[in-house]
Amino acid sequence: MSVRLDKWLWAVRLYKTRALATDACRLGKITQNDIIAKASKEVKVGDRFEININQLHKEIEVKELLNNRISAKMVENYMIDLTPQEEYERIEVARKFAFEKRDRGVGRPTKKERRDIDSFKD
């Protein structure tokens, strides 16, 4: 049995649609051995991929092949997540600091407040 890379990434729920998985391959967000992987690449058991999803840099290994999308609970049967825990912690910290809290009833920020917020974030 052989499966295309974009179909496998969609089936193990790394991307919501196959088109998004194909676009990620085309944009160079998925690599294997520092070589950009094409969407049409045939996936084999034991293959390792590095995937950039937003700011997260995931490393995965193919454990088993599949054709159809599976439930989230079954993903661990088909792929091994080799991403270091520090990577997940870095994303969590970035997510916490990216959130702005405004008091209830204050309303939306004014143009000046928005510029101040943007300059503070950069």
PDB file of N, CA and C in Angstrom:
ATOM      1  N   MET A   1       0.847  -1.181   0.000  1.00  0.00           N
ATOM      2  CA  MET A   1       0.000   0.000   0.000  1.00  0.00           C
ATOM      3  C   MET A   1       0.889   1.239   0.000  1.00  0.00           C
ATOM      4  N   SER A   2       0.537   2.239  -0.787  1.00  0.00           N
ATOM      5  CA  SER A   2       1.275   3.494  -0.800  1.00  0.00           C
ATOM      6  C   SER A   2       0.292   4.649  -0.652  1.00  0.00           C
ATOM      7  N   VAL A   3       0.747   5.696   0.021  1.00  0.00           N
ATOM      8  CA  VAL A   3      -0.096   6.854   0.299  1.00  0.00           C
ATOM      9  C   VAL A   3       0.705   8.114  -0.010  1.00  0.00           C
ATOM     10  N   ARG A   4       0.043   9.096  -0.610  1.00  0.00           N
ATOM     11  CA  ARG A   4       0.674  10.388  -0.876  1.00  0.00           C
ATOM     12  C   ARG A   4       0.874  11.137   0.440  1.00  0.00           C
ATOM     13  N   LEU A   5       1.893  11.972   0.490  1.00  0.00           N
ATOM     14  CA  LEU A   5       2.205  12.721   1.702  1.00  0.00           C
ATOM     15  C   LEU A   5       1.064  13.641   2.121  1.00  0.00           C
ATOM     16  N   ASP A   6       0.489  14.385   1.176  1.00  0.00           N
ATOM     17  CA  ASP A   6      -0.588  15.304   1.541  1.00  0.00           C
ATOM     18  C   ASP A   6      -1.800  14.567   2.097  1.00  0.00           C
ATOM     19  N   LYS A   7      -2.100  13.400   1.545  1.00  0.00           N
ATOM     20  CA  LYS A   7      -3.242  12.619   2.037  1.00  0.00           C
ATOM     21  C   LYS A   7      -2.962  12.064   3.432  1.00  0.00           C
ATOM     22  N   TRP A   8      -1.729  11.628   3.672  1.00  0.00           N
ATOM     23  CA  TRP A   8      -1.380  11.088   4.989  1.00  0.00           C
ATOM     24  C   TRP A   8      -1.419  12.184   6.052  1.00  0.00           C
ATOM     25  N   LEU A   9      -0.894  13.378   5.731  1.00  0.00           N
ATOM     26  CA  LEU A   9      -0.912  14.488   6.688  1.00  0.00           C
ATOM     27  C   LEU A   9      -2.338  14.889   7.043  1.00  0.00           C
ATOM     28  N   TRP A  10      -3.230  14.852   6.047  1.00  0.00           N
ATOM     29  CA  TRP A  10      -4.631  15.151   6.300  1.00  0.00           C
ATOM     30  C   TRP A  10      -5.265  14.053   7.153  1.00  0.00           C
ATOM     31  N   ALA A  11      -4.927  12.785   6.856  1.00  0.00           N
ATOM     32  CA  ALA A  11      -5.543  11.651   7.548  1.00  0.00           C
ATOM     33  C   ALA A  11      -5.159  11.609   9.027  1.00  0.00           C
ATOM     34  N   VAL A  12      -3.936  12.041   9.378  1.00  0.00           N
ATOM     35  CA  VAL A  12      -3.529  12.022  10.788  1.00  0.00           C
ATOM     36  C   VAL A  12      -3.798  13.368  11.468  1.00  0.00           C
ATOM     37  N   ARG A  13      -4.604  14.204  10.826  1.00  0.00           N
ATOM     38  CA  ARG A  13      -5.132  15.438  11.404  1.00  0.00           C
ATOM     39  C   ARG A  13      -4.098  16.526  11.669  1.00  0.00           C
ATOM     40  N   LEU A  14      -3.024  16.548  10.899  1.00  0.00           N
ATOM     41  CA  LEU A  14      -2.078  17.656  11.024  1.00  0.00           C
ATOM     42  C   LEU A  14      -2.580  18.871  10.257  1.00  0.00           C
ATOM     43  N   TYR A  15      -3.425  18.649   9.246  1.00  0.00           N
ATOM     44  CA  TYR A  15      -4.047  19.728   8.475  1.00  0.00           C
ATOM     45  C   TYR A  15      -5.531  19.428   8.330  1.00  0.00           C
ATOM     46  N   LYS A  16      -6.354  20.489   8.302  1.00  0.00           N
ATOM     47  CA  LYS A  16      -7.797  20.306   8.231  1.00  0.00           C
ATOM     48  C   LYS A  16      -8.263  19.795   6.881  1.00  0.00           C
ATOM     49  N   THR A  17      -7.573  20.203   5.829  1.00  0.00           N
ATOM     50  CA  THR A  17      -7.955  19.747   4.493  1.00  0.00           C
ATOM     51  C   THR A  17      -6.712  19.266   3.752  1.00  0.00           C
ATOM     52  N   ARG A  18      -6.956  18.499   2.717  1.00  0.00           N
ATOM     53  CA  ARG A  18      -5.856  18.019   1.894  1.00  0.00           C
ATOM     54  C   ARG A  18      -5.231  19.169   1.114  1.00  0.00           C
ATOM     55  N   ALA A  19      -6.053  20.142   0.754  1.00  0.00           N
ATOM     56  CA  ALA A  19      -5.548  21.309   0.025  1.00  0.00           C
ATOM     57  C   ALA A  19      -4.558  22.098   0.889  1.00  0.00           C
ATOM     58  N   LEU A  20      -4.839  22.217   2.191  1.00  0.00           N
ATOM     59  CA  LEU A  20      -3.910  22.906   3.093  1.00  0.00           C
ATOM     60  C   LEU A  20      -2.602  22.134   3.210  1.00  0.00           C
ATOM     61  N   ALA A  21      -2.686  20.819   3.244  1.00  0.00           N
ATOM     62  CA  ALA A  21      -1.479  19.988   3.309  1.00  0.00           C
ATOM     63  C   ALA A  21      -0.662  20.136   2.027  1.00  0.00           C
ATOM     64  N   THR A  22      -1.335  20.185   0.892  1.00  0.00           N
ATOM     65  CA  THR A  22      -0.652  20.364  -0.391  1.00  0.00           C
ATOM     66  C   THR A  22       0.025  21.720  -0.456  1.00  0.00           C
ATOM     67  N   ASP A  23      -0.675  22.764  -0.008  1.00  0.00           N
ATOM     68  CA  ASP A  23      -0.097  24.114   0.005  1.00  0.00           C
ATOM     69  C   ASP A  23       1.122  24.181   0.915  1.00  0.00           C
ATOM     70  N   ALA A  24       1.068  23.505   2.060  1.00  0.00           N
ATOM     71  CA  ALA A  24       2.211  23.494   2.981  1.00  0.00           C
ATOM     72  C   ALA A  24       3.426  22.856   2.318  1.00  0.00           C
ATOM     73  N   CYS A  25       3.203  21.797   1.573  1.00  0.00           N
ATOM     74  CA  CYS A  25       4.307  21.147   0.851  1.00  0.00           C
ATOM     75  C   CYS A  25       4.871  22.089  -0.204  1.00  0.00           C
ATOM     76  N   ARG A  26       3.990  22.739  -0.954  1.00  0.00           N
ATOM     77  CA  ARG A  26       4.412  23.628  -2.027  1.00  0.00           C
ATOM     78  C   ARG A  26       5.186  24.827  -1.485  1.00  0.00           C
ATOM     79  N   LEU A  27       4.822  25.314  -0.296  1.00  0.00           N
ATOM     80  CA  LEU A  27       5.480  26.471   0.309  1.00  0.00           C
ATOM     81  C   LEU A  27       6.756  26.103   1.070  1.00  0.00           C
ATOM     82  N   GLY A  28       7.104  24.833   1.113  1.00  0.00           N
ATOM     83  CA  GLY A  28       8.346  24.406   1.752  1.00  0.00           C
ATOM     84  C   GLY A  28       8.254  24.274   3.263  1.00  0.00           C
ATOM     85  N   LYS A  29       7.062  24.085   3.806  1.00  0.00           N
ATOM     86  CA  LYS A  29       6.888  23.961   5.252  1.00  0.00           C
ATOM     87  C   LYS A  29       7.067  22.531   5.743  1.00  0.00           C
ATOM     88  N   ILE A  30       7.195  21.594   4.816  1.00  0.00           N
ATOM     89  CA  ILE A  30       7.383  20.194   5.173  1.00  0.00           C
ATOM     90  C   ILE A  30       8.670  19.712   4.517  1.00  0.00           C
ATOM     91  N   THR A  31       9.591  19.220   5.349  1.00  0.00           N
ATOM     92  CA  THR A  31      10.868  18.760   4.821  1.00  0.00           C
ATOM     93  C   THR A  31      11.180  17.359   5.329  1.00  0.00           C
ATOM     94  N   GLN A  32      12.006  16.684   4.559  1.00  0.00           N
ATOM     95  CA  GLN A  32      12.523  15.378   4.956  1.00  0.00           C
ATOM     96  C   GLN A  32      14.015  15.401   4.654  1.00  0.00           C
ATOM     97  N   ASN A  33      14.832  15.250   5.690  1.00  0.00           N
ATOM     98  CA  ASN A  33      16.291  15.316   5.548  1.00  0.00           C
ATOM     99  C   ASN A  33      16.731  16.637   4.903  1.00  0.00           C
ATOM    100  N   ASP A  34      16.153  17.736   5.349  1.00  0.00           N
ATOM    101  CA  ASP A  34      16.458  19.087   4.851  1.00  0.00           C
ATOM    102  C   ASP A  34      16.135  19.268   3.366  1.00  0.00           C
ATOM    103  N   ILE A  35      15.322  18.412   2.802  1.00  0.00           N
ATOM    104  CA  ILE A  35      14.866  18.539   1.420  1.00  0.00           C
ATOM    105  C   ILE A  35      13.358  18.762   1.464  1.00  0.00           C
ATOM    106  N   ILE A  36      12.894  19.770   0.725  1.00  0.00           N
ATOM    107  CA  ILE A  36      11.462  20.066   0.703  1.00  0.00           C
ATOM    108  C   ILE A  36      10.718  18.877   0.103  1.00  0.00           C
ATOM    109  N   ALA A  37       9.710  18.406   0.843  1.00  0.00           N
ATOM    110  CA  ALA A  37       8.943  17.237   0.411  1.00  0.00           C
ATOM    111  C   ALA A  37       7.769  17.685  -0.451  1.00  0.00           C
ATOM    112  N   LYS A  38       7.582  17.024  -1.579  1.00  0.00           N
ATOM    113  CA  LYS A  38       6.453  17.319  -2.455  1.00  0.00           C
ATOM    114  C   LYS A  38       5.213  16.596  -1.947  1.00  0.00           C
ATOM    115  N   ALA A  39       4.052  17.148  -2.281  1.00  0.00           N
ATOM    116  CA  ALA A  39       2.786  16.551  -1.850  1.00  0.00           C
ATOM    117  C   ALA A  39       2.587  15.160  -2.437  1.00  0.00           C
ATOM    118  N   SER A  40       3.159  14.911  -3.598  1.00  0.00           N
ATOM    119  CA  SER A  40       2.959  13.622  -4.265  1.00  0.00           C
ATOM    120  C   SER A  40       3.933  12.544  -3.793  1.00  0.00           C
ATOM    121  N   LYS A  41       4.827  12.870  -2.853  1.00  0.00           N
ATOM    122  CA  LYS A  41       5.807  11.901  -2.359  1.00  0.00           C
ATOM    123  C   LYS A  41       5.092  10.730  -1.698  1.00  0.00           C
ATOM    124  N   GLU A  42       5.572   9.545  -1.995  1.00  0.00           N
ATOM    125  CA  GLU A  42       4.999   8.345  -1.381  1.00  0.00           C
ATOM    126  C   GLU A  42       5.565   8.196   0.027  1.00  0.00           C
ATOM    127  N   VAL A  43       4.701   8.050   1.003  1.00  0.00           N
ATOM    128  CA  VAL A  43       5.096   7.924   2.405  1.00  0.00           C
ATOM    129  C   VAL A  43       5.365   6.460   2.710  1.00  0.00           C
ATOM    130  N   LYS A  44       6.422   6.203   3.475  1.00  0.00           N
ATOM    131  CA  LYS A  44       6.760   4.843   3.896  1.00  0.00           C
ATOM    132  C   LYS A  44       6.851   4.811   5.425  1.00  0.00           C
ATOM    133  N   VAL A  45       6.644   3.661   5.992  1.00  0.00           N
ATOM    134  CA  VAL A  45       6.779   3.495   7.436  1.00  0.00           C
ATOM    135  C   VAL A  45       8.227   3.797   7.813  1.00  0.00           C
ATOM    136  N   GLY A  46       8.415   4.620   8.846  1.00  0.00           N
ATOM    137  CA  GLY A  46       9.751   4.984   9.300  1.00  0.00           C
ATOM    138  C   GLY A  46      10.231   6.322   8.774  1.00  0.00           C
ATOM    139  N   ASP A  47       9.527   6.906   7.801  1.00  0.00           N
ATOM    140  CA  ASP A  47       9.907   8.220   7.292  1.00  0.00           C
ATOM    141  C   ASP A  47       9.765   9.267   8.394  1.00  0.00           C
ATOM    142  N   ARG A  48      10.705  10.225   8.416  1.00  0.00           N
ATOM    143  CA  ARG A  48      10.654  11.322   9.381  1.00  0.00           C
ATOM    144  C   ARG A  48      10.477  12.629   8.628  1.00  0.00           C
ATOM    145  N   PHE A  49       9.585  13.466   9.146  1.00  0.00           N
ATOM    146  CA  PHE A  49       9.303  14.756   8.523  1.00  0.00           C
ATOM    147  C   PHE A  49       9.402  15.858   9.564  1.00  0.00           C
ATOM    148  N   GLU A  50       9.819  17.031   9.110  1.00  0.00           N
ATOM    149  CA  GLU A  50       9.812  18.235   9.925  1.00  0.00           C
ATOM    150  C   GLU A  50       8.743  19.145   9.333  1.00  0.00           C
ATOM    151  N   ILE A  51       7.807  19.570  10.173  1.00  0.00           N
ATOM    152  CA  ILE A  51       6.658  20.336   9.709  1.00  0.00           C
ATOM    153  C   ILE A  51       6.585  21.637  10.484  1.00  0.00           C
ATOM    154  N   ASN A  52       6.441  22.741   9.757  1.00  0.00           N
ATOM    155  CA  ASN A  52       6.255  24.049  10.381  1.00  0.00           C
ATOM    156  C   ASN A  52       4.792  24.432  10.271  1.00  0.00           C
ATOM    157  N   ILE A  53       4.102  24.416  11.402  1.00  0.00           N
ATOM    158  CA  ILE A  53       2.698  24.807  11.462  1.00  0.00           C
ATOM    159  C   ILE A  53       2.647  26.083  12.294  1.00  0.00           C
ATOM    160  N   ASN A  54       2.344  27.198  11.627  1.00  0.00           N
ATOM    161  CA  ASN A  54       2.407  28.530  12.239  1.00  0.00           C
ATOM    162  C   ASN A  54       3.800  28.726  12.825  1.00  0.00           C
ATOM    163  N   GLN A  55       3.936  28.842  14.145  1.00  0.00           N
ATOM    164  CA  GLN A  55       5.251  29.037  14.760  1.00  0.00           C
ATOM    165  C   GLN A  55       5.806  27.743  15.332  1.00  0.00           C
ATOM    166  N   LEU A  56       5.021  26.685  15.301  1.00  0.00           N
ATOM    167  CA  LEU A  56       5.430  25.404  15.870  1.00  0.00           C
ATOM    168  C   LEU A  56       6.239  24.597  14.862  1.00  0.00           C
ATOM    169  N   HIS A  57       7.382  24.092  15.305  1.00  0.00           N
ATOM    170  CA  HIS A  57       8.248  23.260  14.465  1.00  0.00           C
ATOM    171  C   HIS A  57       8.128  21.822  14.970  1.00  0.00           C
ATOM    172  N   LYS A  58       7.292  21.011  14.282  1.00  0.00           N
ATOM    173  CA  LYS A  58       7.034  19.630  14.695  1.00  0.00           C
ATOM    174  C   LYS A  58       7.957  18.674  13.965  1.00  0.00           C
ATOM    175  N   GLU A  59       8.345  17.620  14.647  1.00  0.00           N
ATOM    176  CA  GLU A  59       9.087  16.521  14.048  1.00  0.00           C
ATOM    177  C   GLU A  59       8.267  15.265  14.285  1.00  0.00           C
ATOM    178  N   ILE A  60       7.967  14.547  13.204  1.00  0.00           N
ATOM    179  CA  ILE A  60       7.139  13.348  13.335  1.00  0.00           C
ATOM    180  C   ILE A  60       7.781  12.190  12.585  1.00  0.00           C
ATOM    181  N   GLU A  61       7.381  10.984  12.980  1.00  0.00           N
ATOM    182  CA  GLU A  61       7.813   9.772  12.297  1.00  0.00           C
ATOM    183  C   GLU A  61       6.571   8.963  11.947  1.00  0.00           C
ATOM    184  N   VAL A  62       6.544   8.417  10.749  1.00  0.00           N
ATOM    185  CA  VAL A  62       5.419   7.620  10.274  1.00  0.00           C
ATOM    186  C   VAL A  62       5.500   6.246  10.926  1.00  0.00           C
ATOM    187  N   LYS A  63       4.443   5.889  11.638  1.00  0.00           N
ATOM    188  CA  LYS A  63       4.390   4.607  12.329  1.00  0.00           C
ATOM    189  C   LYS A  63       3.634   3.573  11.492  1.00  0.00           C
ATOM    190  N   GLU A  64       2.579   4.053  10.803  1.00  0.00           N
ATOM    191  CA  GLU A  64       1.751   3.169   9.994  1.00  0.00           C
ATOM    192  C   GLU A  64       1.074   3.991   8.910  1.00  0.00           C
ATOM    193  N   LEU A  65       0.740   3.362   7.787  1.00  0.00           N
ATOM    194  CA  LEU A  65       0.086   4.048   6.680  1.00  0.00           C
ATOM    195  C   LEU A  65      -1.422   3.935   6.812  1.00  0.00           C
ATOM    196  N   LEU A  66      -2.131   4.929   6.250  1.00  0.00           N
ATOM    197  CA  LEU A  66      -3.582   4.887   6.233  1.00  0.00           C
ATOM    198  C   LEU A  66      -4.090   5.754   5.101  1.00  0.00           C
ATOM    199  N   ASN A  67      -5.298   5.444   4.629  1.00  0.00           N
ATOM    200  CA  ASN A  67      -5.906   6.169   3.515  1.00  0.00           C
ATOM    201  C   ASN A  67      -6.977   7.148   3.970  1.00  0.00           C
ATOM    202  N   ASN A  68      -7.722   6.793   4.993  1.00  0.00           N
ATOM    203  CA  ASN A  68      -8.853   7.612   5.423  1.00  0.00           C
ATOM    204  C   ASN A  68      -8.532   8.380   6.700  1.00  0.00           C
ATOM    205  N   ARG A  69      -9.234   9.487   6.883  1.00  0.00           N
ATOM    206  CA  ARG A  69      -9.049  10.312   8.071  1.00  0.00           C
ATOM    207  C   ARG A  69      -9.522   9.529   9.295  1.00  0.00           C
ATOM    208  N   ILE A  70      -8.789   9.691  10.392  1.00  0.00           N
ATOM    209  CA  ILE A  70      -9.094   8.937  11.610  1.00  0.00           C
ATOM    210  C   ILE A  70      -9.466   9.896  12.726  1.00  0.00           C
ATOM    211  N   SER A  71      -9.978   9.354  13.817  1.00  0.00           N
ATOM    212  CA  SER A  71     -10.323  10.195  14.961  1.00  0.00           C
ATOM    213  C   SER A  71      -9.043  10.639  15.671  1.00  0.00           C
ATOM    214  N   ALA A  72      -9.149  11.723  16.406  1.00  0.00           N
ATOM    215  CA  ALA A  72      -7.986  12.297  17.091  1.00  0.00           C
ATOM    216  C   ALA A  72      -7.398  11.321  18.106  1.00  0.00           C
ATOM    217  N   LYS A  73      -8.222  10.466  18.679  1.00  0.00           N
ATOM    218  CA  LYS A  73      -7.739   9.507  19.679  1.00  0.00           C
ATOM    219  C   LYS A  73      -6.837   8.433  19.060  1.00  0.00           C
ATOM    220  N   MET A  74      -7.000   8.174  17.776  1.00  0.00           N
ATOM    221  CA  MET A  74      -6.252   7.108  17.118  1.00  0.00           C
ATOM    222  C   MET A  74      -4.957   7.594  16.469  1.00  0.00           C
ATOM    223  N   VAL A  75      -4.681   8.889  16.489  1.00  0.00           N
ATOM    224  CA  VAL A  75      -3.504   9.443  15.805  1.00  0.00           C
ATOM    225  C   VAL A  75      -2.215   8.829  16.324  1.00  0.00           C
ATOM    226  N   GLU A  76      -2.132   8.567  17.616  1.00  0.00           N
ATOM    227  CA  GLU A  76      -0.899   8.026  18.193  1.00  0.00           C
ATOM    228  C   GLU A  76      -0.564   6.633  17.657  1.00  0.00           C
ATOM    229  N   ASN A  77      -1.536   5.939  17.051  1.00  0.00           N
ATOM    230  CA  ASN A  77      -1.275   4.634  16.458  1.00  0.00           C
ATOM    231  C   ASN A  77      -0.597   4.734  15.093  1.00  0.00           C
ATOM    232  N   TYR A  78      -0.644   5.920  14.484  1.00  0.00           N
ATOM    233  CA  TYR A  78      -0.150   6.082  13.126  1.00  0.00           C
ATOM    234  C   TYR A  78       1.069   6.998  13.006  1.00  0.00           C
ATOM    235  N   MET A  79       1.375   7.779  14.030  1.00  0.00           N
ATOM    236  CA  MET A  79       2.543   8.653  13.969  1.00  0.00           C
ATOM    237  C   MET A  79       3.156   8.808  15.342  1.00  0.00           C
ATOM    238  N   ILE A  80       4.471   9.023  15.351  1.00  0.00           N
ATOM    239  CA  ILE A  80       5.208   9.271  16.588  1.00  0.00           C
ATOM    240  C   ILE A  80       5.619  10.733  16.561  1.00  0.00           C
ATOM    241  N   ASP A  81       5.245  11.460  17.620  1.00  0.00           N
ATOM    242  CA  ASP A  81       5.602  12.872  17.723  1.00  0.00           C
ATOM    243  C   ASP A  81       6.961  12.980  18.394  1.00  0.00           C
ATOM    244  N   LEU A  82       7.975  13.412  17.645  1.00  0.00           N
ATOM    245  CA  LEU A  82       9.337  13.529  18.157  1.00  0.00           C
ATOM    246  C   LEU A  82       9.683  14.966  18.550  1.00  0.00           C
ATOM    247  N   THR A  83       8.693  15.837  18.562  1.00  0.00           N
ATOM    248  CA  THR A  83       8.905  17.246  18.884  1.00  0.00           C
ATOM    249  C   THR A  83       9.330  17.374  20.334  1.00  0.00           C
ATOM    250  N   PRO A  84      10.421  18.123  20.610  1.00  0.00           N
ATOM    251  CA  PRO A  84      10.838  18.301  21.999  1.00  0.00           C
ATOM    252  C   PRO A  84       9.787  19.080  22.807  1.00  0.00           C
ATOM    253  N   GLN A  85       9.689  18.768  24.079  1.00  0.00           N
ATOM    254  CA  GLN A  85       8.710  19.421  24.957  1.00  0.00           C
ATOM    255  C   GLN A  85       8.963  20.920  25.042  1.00  0.00           C
ATOM    256  N   GLU A  86      10.231  21.352  24.914  1.00  0.00           N
ATOM    257  CA  GLU A  86      10.561  22.777  24.988  1.00  0.00           C
ATOM    258  C   GLU A  86       9.868  23.566  23.882  1.00  0.00           C
ATOM    259  N   GLU A  87       9.665  22.934  22.736  1.00  0.00           N
ATOM    260  CA  GLU A  87       8.996  23.596  21.612  1.00  0.00           C
ATOM    261  C   GLU A  87       7.539  23.912  21.965  1.00  0.00           C
ATOM    262  N   TYR A  88       6.854  22.964  22.601  1.00  0.00           N
ATOM    263  CA  TYR A  88       5.471  23.197  23.013  1.00  0.00           C
ATOM    264  C   TYR A  88       5.408  24.262  24.110  1.00  0.00           C
ATOM    265  N   GLU A  89       6.385  24.236  25.025  1.00  0.00           N
ATOM    266  CA  GLU A  89       6.418  25.238  26.092  1.00  0.00           C
ATOM    267  C   GLU A  89       6.656  26.632  25.523  1.00  0.00           C
ATOM    268  N   ARG A  90       7.520  26.733  24.500  1.00  0.00           N
ATOM    269  CA  ARG A  90       7.799  28.028  23.870  1.00  0.00           C
ATOM    270  C   ARG A  90       6.536  28.597  23.228  1.00  0.00           C
ATOM    271  N   ILE A  91       5.765  27.764  22.581  1.00  0.00           N
ATOM    272  CA  ILE A  91       4.524  28.206  21.947  1.00  0.00           C
ATOM    273  C   ILE A  91       3.511  28.629  22.996  1.00  0.00           C
ATOM    274  N   GLU A  92       3.444  27.901  24.094  1.00  0.00           N
ATOM    275  CA  GLU A  92       2.498  28.242  25.162  1.00  0.00           C
ATOM    276  C   GLU A  92       2.832  29.591  25.784  1.00  0.00           C
ATOM    277  N   VAL A  93       4.114  29.859  26.017  1.00  0.00           N
ATOM    278  CA  VAL A  93       4.534  31.149  26.573  1.00  0.00           C
ATOM    279  C   VAL A  93       4.205  32.270  25.596  1.00  0.00           C
ATOM    280  N   ALA A  94       4.467  32.059  24.322  1.00  0.00           N
ATOM    281  CA  ALA A  94       4.161  33.073  23.310  1.00  0.00           C
ATOM    282  C   ALA A  94       2.665  33.335  23.252  1.00  0.00           C
ATOM    283  N   ARG A  95       1.854  32.305  23.413  1.00  0.00           N
ATOM    284  CA  ARG A  95       0.402  32.461  23.385  1.00  0.00           C
ATOM    285  C   ARG A  95      -0.090  33.260  24.582  1.00  0.00           C
ATOM    286  N   LYS A  96       0.511  33.031  25.747  1.00  0.00           N
ATOM    287  CA  LYS A  96       0.092  33.765  26.945  1.00  0.00           C
ATOM    288  C   LYS A  96       0.412  35.250  26.845  1.00  0.00           C
ATOM    289  N   PHE A  97       1.584  35.575  26.297  1.00  0.00           N
ATOM    290  CA  PHE A  97       1.986  36.971  26.232  1.00  0.00           C
ATOM    291  C   PHE A  97       1.364  37.713  25.060  1.00  0.00           C
ATOM    292  N   ALA A  98       0.772  37.012  24.128  1.00  0.00           N
ATOM    293  CA  ALA A  98       0.147  37.656  22.976  1.00  0.00           C
ATOM    294  C   ALA A  98      -1.267  38.133  23.292  1.00  0.00           C
ATOM    295  N   PHE A  99      -1.785  37.793  24.446  1.00  0.00           N
ATOM    296  CA  PHE A  99      -3.161  38.111  24.809  1.00  0.00           C
ATOM    297  C   PHE A  99      -3.230  39.461  25.512  1.00  0.00           C
ATOM    298  N   GLU A 100      -4.120  40.334  25.052  1.00  0.00           N
ATOM    299  CA  GLU A 100      -4.332  41.611  25.729  1.00  0.00           C
ATOM    300  C   GLU A 100      -5.616  41.533  26.537  1.00  0.00           C
ATOM    301  N   LYS A 101      -5.567  42.044  27.746  1.00  0.00           N
ATOM    302  CA  LYS A 101      -6.756  42.055  28.597  1.00  0.00           C
ATOM    303  C   LYS A 101      -7.270  43.466  28.713  1.00  0.00           C
ATOM    304  N   ARG A 102      -8.539  43.650  28.452  1.00  0.00           N
ATOM    305  CA  ARG A 102      -9.180  44.957  28.605  1.00  0.00           C
ATOM    306  C   ARG A 102     -10.322  44.792  29.592  1.00  0.00           C
ATOM    307  N   ASP A 103     -10.516  45.811  30.395  1.00  0.00           N
ATOM    308  CA  ASP A 103     -11.606  45.784  31.370  1.00  0.00           C
ATOM    309  C   ASP A 103     -12.948  45.760  30.652  1.00  0.00           C
ATOM    310  N   ARG A 104     -13.907  45.136  31.286  1.00  0.00           N
ATOM    311  CA  ARG A 104     -15.241  45.023  30.710  1.00  0.00           C
ATOM    312  C   ARG A 104     -15.889  46.409  30.649  1.00  0.00           C
ATOM    313  N   GLY A 105     -16.506  46.703  29.509  1.00  0.00           N
ATOM    314  CA  GLY A 105     -17.203  47.967  29.345  1.00  0.00           C
ATOM    315  C   GLY A 105     -16.343  49.094  28.805  1.00  0.00           C
ATOM    316  N   VAL A 106     -15.041  48.859  28.636  1.00  0.00           N
ATOM    317  CA  VAL A 106     -14.145  49.898  28.144  1.00  0.00           C
ATOM    318  C   VAL A 106     -14.304  50.070  26.635  1.00  0.00           C
ATOM    319  N   GLY A 107     -14.672  49.000  25.943  1.00  0.00           N
ATOM    320  CA  GLY A 107     -14.861  49.067  24.505  1.00  0.00           C
ATOM    321  C   GLY A 107     -13.598  48.730  23.747  1.00  0.00           C
ATOM    322  N   ARG A 108     -13.652  48.957  22.441  1.00  0.00           N
ATOM    323  CA  ARG A 108     -12.519  48.659  21.584  1.00  0.00           C
ATOM    324  C   ARG A 108     -11.435  49.709  21.762  1.00  0.00           C
ATOM    325  N   PRO A 109     -10.179  49.337  21.499  1.00  0.00           N
ATOM    326  CA  PRO A 109      -9.105  50.321  21.638  1.00  0.00           C
ATOM    327  C   PRO A 109      -9.211  51.408  20.570  1.00  0.00           C
ATOM    328  N   THR A 110      -8.807  52.606  20.955  1.00  0.00           N
ATOM    329  CA  THR A 110      -8.784  53.701  19.991  1.00  0.00           C
ATOM    330  C   THR A 110      -7.591  53.506  19.055  1.00  0.00           C
ATOM    331  N   LYS A 111      -7.515  54.366  18.050  1.00  0.00           N
ATOM    332  CA  LYS A 111      -6.423  54.261  17.096  1.00  0.00           C
ATOM    333  C   LYS A 111      -5.073  54.457  17.780  1.00  0.00           C
ATOM    334  N   LYS A 112      -4.988  55.405  18.707  1.00  0.00           N
ATOM    335  CA  LYS A 112      -3.741  55.659  19.440  1.00  0.00           C
ATOM    336  C   LYS A 112      -3.401  54.461  20.331  1.00  0.00           C
ATOM    337  N   GLU A 113      -4.413  53.911  21.021  1.00  0.00           N
ATOM    338  CA  GLU A 113      -4.165  52.737  21.869  1.00  0.00           C
ATOM    339  C   GLU A 113      -3.696  51.544  21.031  1.00  0.00           C
ATOM    340  N   ARG A 114      -4.258  51.367  19.837  1.00  0.00           N
ATOM    341  CA  ARG A 114      -3.854  50.269  18.964  1.00  0.00           C
ATOM    342  C   ARG A 114      -2.392  50.435  18.544  1.00  0.00           C
ATOM    343  N   ARG A 115      -1.988  51.671  18.207  1.00  0.00           N
ATOM    344  CA  ARG A 115      -0.591  51.919  17.838  1.00  0.00           C
ATOM    345  C   ARG A 115       0.325  51.633  19.013  1.00  0.00           C
ATOM    346  N   ASP A 116      -0.090  52.031  20.219  1.00  0.00           N
ATOM    347  CA  ASP A 116       0.715  51.754  21.416  1.00  0.00           C
ATOM    348  C   ASP A 116       0.858  50.252  21.659  1.00  0.00           C
ATOM    349  N   ILE A 117      -0.240  49.520  21.486  1.00  0.00           N
ATOM    350  CA  ILE A 117      -0.208  48.067  21.668  1.00  0.00           C
ATOM    351  C   ILE A 117       0.721  47.428  20.646  1.00  0.00           C
ATOM    352  N   ASP A 118       0.607  47.849  19.383  1.00  0.00           N
ATOM    353  CA  ASP A 118       1.460  47.284  18.321  1.00  0.00           C
ATOM    354  C   ASP A 118       2.927  47.586  18.564  1.00  0.00           C
ATOM    355  N   SER A 119       3.235  48.808  18.992  1.00  0.00           N
ATOM    356  CA  SER A 119       4.654  49.156  19.253  1.00  0.00           C
ATOM    357  C   SER A 119       5.186  48.386  20.451  1.00  0.00           C
ATOM    358  N   PHE A 120       4.344  48.120  21.441  1.00  0.00           N
ATOM    359  CA  PHE A 120       4.753  47.361  22.618  1.00  0.00           C
ATOM    360  C   PHE A 120       5.050  45.908  22.239  1.00  0.00           C
ATOM    361  N   LYS A 121       4.232  45.336  21.346  1.00  0.00           N
ATOM    362  CA  LYS A 121       4.420  43.943  20.932  1.00  0.00           C
ATOM    363  C   LYS A 121       5.685  43.758  20.109  1.00  0.00           C
ATOM    364  N   ASP A 122       6.017  44.746  19.298  1.00  0.00           N
ATOM    365  CA  ASP A 122       7.218  44.630  18.448  1.00  0.00           C
ATOM    366  C   ASP A 122       8.426  44.906  19.256  1.00  0.00           C
TER     367      ASP A 122
END
